[in-house]
Amino acid sequence: MKSIKISLEMAQRVKEFVNVTQDYPYEILLKSGKYVVDAKSILGIFSLDLSQPIVVEVYADECDDLLEKLKKFEA
């Protein structure tokens, strides 16, 4: 598992983030406080407190290409 902190304060950034994560077959979760949602679910993401940084957890060993794409969202 690998994790990074991101910021998704605007709706457009949430849409871009979901478009990136949907292309990958492995499990990707977002954690904000005590809440955990699927990173591929736009409705799930909007249920989080987006004013705070969110932790992305990627459950795959070979995910460097995804992490590279997610750098533009880093908090």
Protein backbone atom coordinates (compact mmCIF):
# COMPACT_ATOMS: atom_id res chain seq x y z
CA MET A 1 0.00 0.00 0.00
CA LYS A 2 1.15 3.52 -0.79
CA SER A 3 -0.41 6.75 0.40
CA ILE A 4 -0.22 10.49 -0.31
CA LYS A 5 -2.09 13.58 0.89
CA ILE A 6 -4.10 15.51 -1.65
CA SER A 7 -6.38 18.53 -1.79
CA LEU A 8 -9.71 18.51 -3.68
CA GLU A 9 -11.23 21.85 -2.73
CA MET A 10 -13.02 22.55 -6.03
CA ALA A 11 -15.62 20.43 -7.84
CA GLN A 12 -13.58 20.51 -11.06
CA ARG A 13 -10.59 18.96 -9.24
CA VAL A 14 -12.82 16.17 -7.89
CA LYS A 15 -14.00 15.38 -11.42
CA GLU A 16 -10.39 15.34 -12.73
CA PHE A 17 -9.32 13.11 -9.82
CA VAL A 18 -12.11 10.57 -10.46
CA ASN A 19 -11.27 10.52 -14.18
CA VAL A 20 -7.67 9.61 -13.31
CA THR A 21 -8.50 6.92 -10.73
CA GLN A 22 -11.16 5.19 -12.86
CA ASP A 23 -8.46 4.03 -15.30
CA TYR A 24 -6.81 1.76 -12.70
CA PRO A 25 -8.09 -1.69 -11.71
CA TYR A 26 -6.76 -1.77 -8.16
CA GLU A 27 -8.42 -0.53 -4.98
CA ILE A 28 -7.94 3.16 -4.21
CA LEU A 29 -9.44 4.65 -1.05
CA LEU A 30 -9.77 8.18 0.32
CA LYS A 31 -9.60 8.83 4.07
CA SER A 32 -10.73 11.99 5.81
CA GLY A 33 -10.92 11.77 9.58
CA LYS A 34 -12.88 8.64 10.42
CA TYR A 35 -14.48 8.39 6.97
CA VAL A 36 -13.26 6.14 4.15
CA VAL A 37 -14.68 6.20 0.61
CA ASP A 38 -13.89 4.65 -2.76
CA ALA A 39 -11.69 7.08 -4.73
CA LYS A 40 -13.59 6.18 -7.91
CA SER A 41 -16.93 7.37 -6.47
CA ILE A 42 -17.66 11.03 -7.14
CA LEU A 43 -20.62 10.96 -4.72
CA GLY A 44 -18.47 9.34 -2.04
CA ILE A 45 -15.82 12.03 -2.43
CA PHE A 46 -18.41 14.81 -2.09
CA SER A 47 -19.50 13.28 1.24
CA LEU A 48 -16.04 14.10 2.70
CA ASP A 49 -14.84 17.39 4.21
CA LEU A 50 -13.02 18.73 1.15
CA SER A 51 -11.70 21.79 2.98
CA GLN A 52 -9.09 19.57 4.66
CA PRO A 53 -6.30 17.49 3.06
CA ILE A 54 -7.38 13.93 2.23
CA VAL A 55 -5.23 10.79 2.33
CA VAL A 56 -5.22 8.60 -0.78
CA GLU A 57 -4.36 4.94 -0.17
CA VAL A 58 -3.45 2.84 -3.21
CA TYR A 59 -3.52 -0.92 -2.67
CA ALA A 60 -1.02 -1.97 -5.34
CA ASP A 61 2.74 -2.38 -5.48
CA GLU A 62 3.21 -1.24 -9.08
CA CYS A 63 1.39 2.09 -9.01
CA ASP A 64 4.13 4.62 -9.77
CA ASP A 65 2.35 5.82 -12.92
CA LEU A 66 -0.80 6.59 -10.90
CA LEU A 67 1.16 8.37 -8.17
CA GLU A 68 2.83 10.49 -10.86
CA LYS A 69 -0.59 11.53 -12.21
CA LEU A 70 -1.82 12.33 -8.69
CA LYS A 71 1.06 14.73 -7.95
CA LYS A 72 -0.94 17.65 -9.33
CA PHE A 73 -3.48 17.10 -6.52
CA GLU A 74 -0.93 16.96 -3.68
CA ALA A 75 -1.66 19.14 -0.66
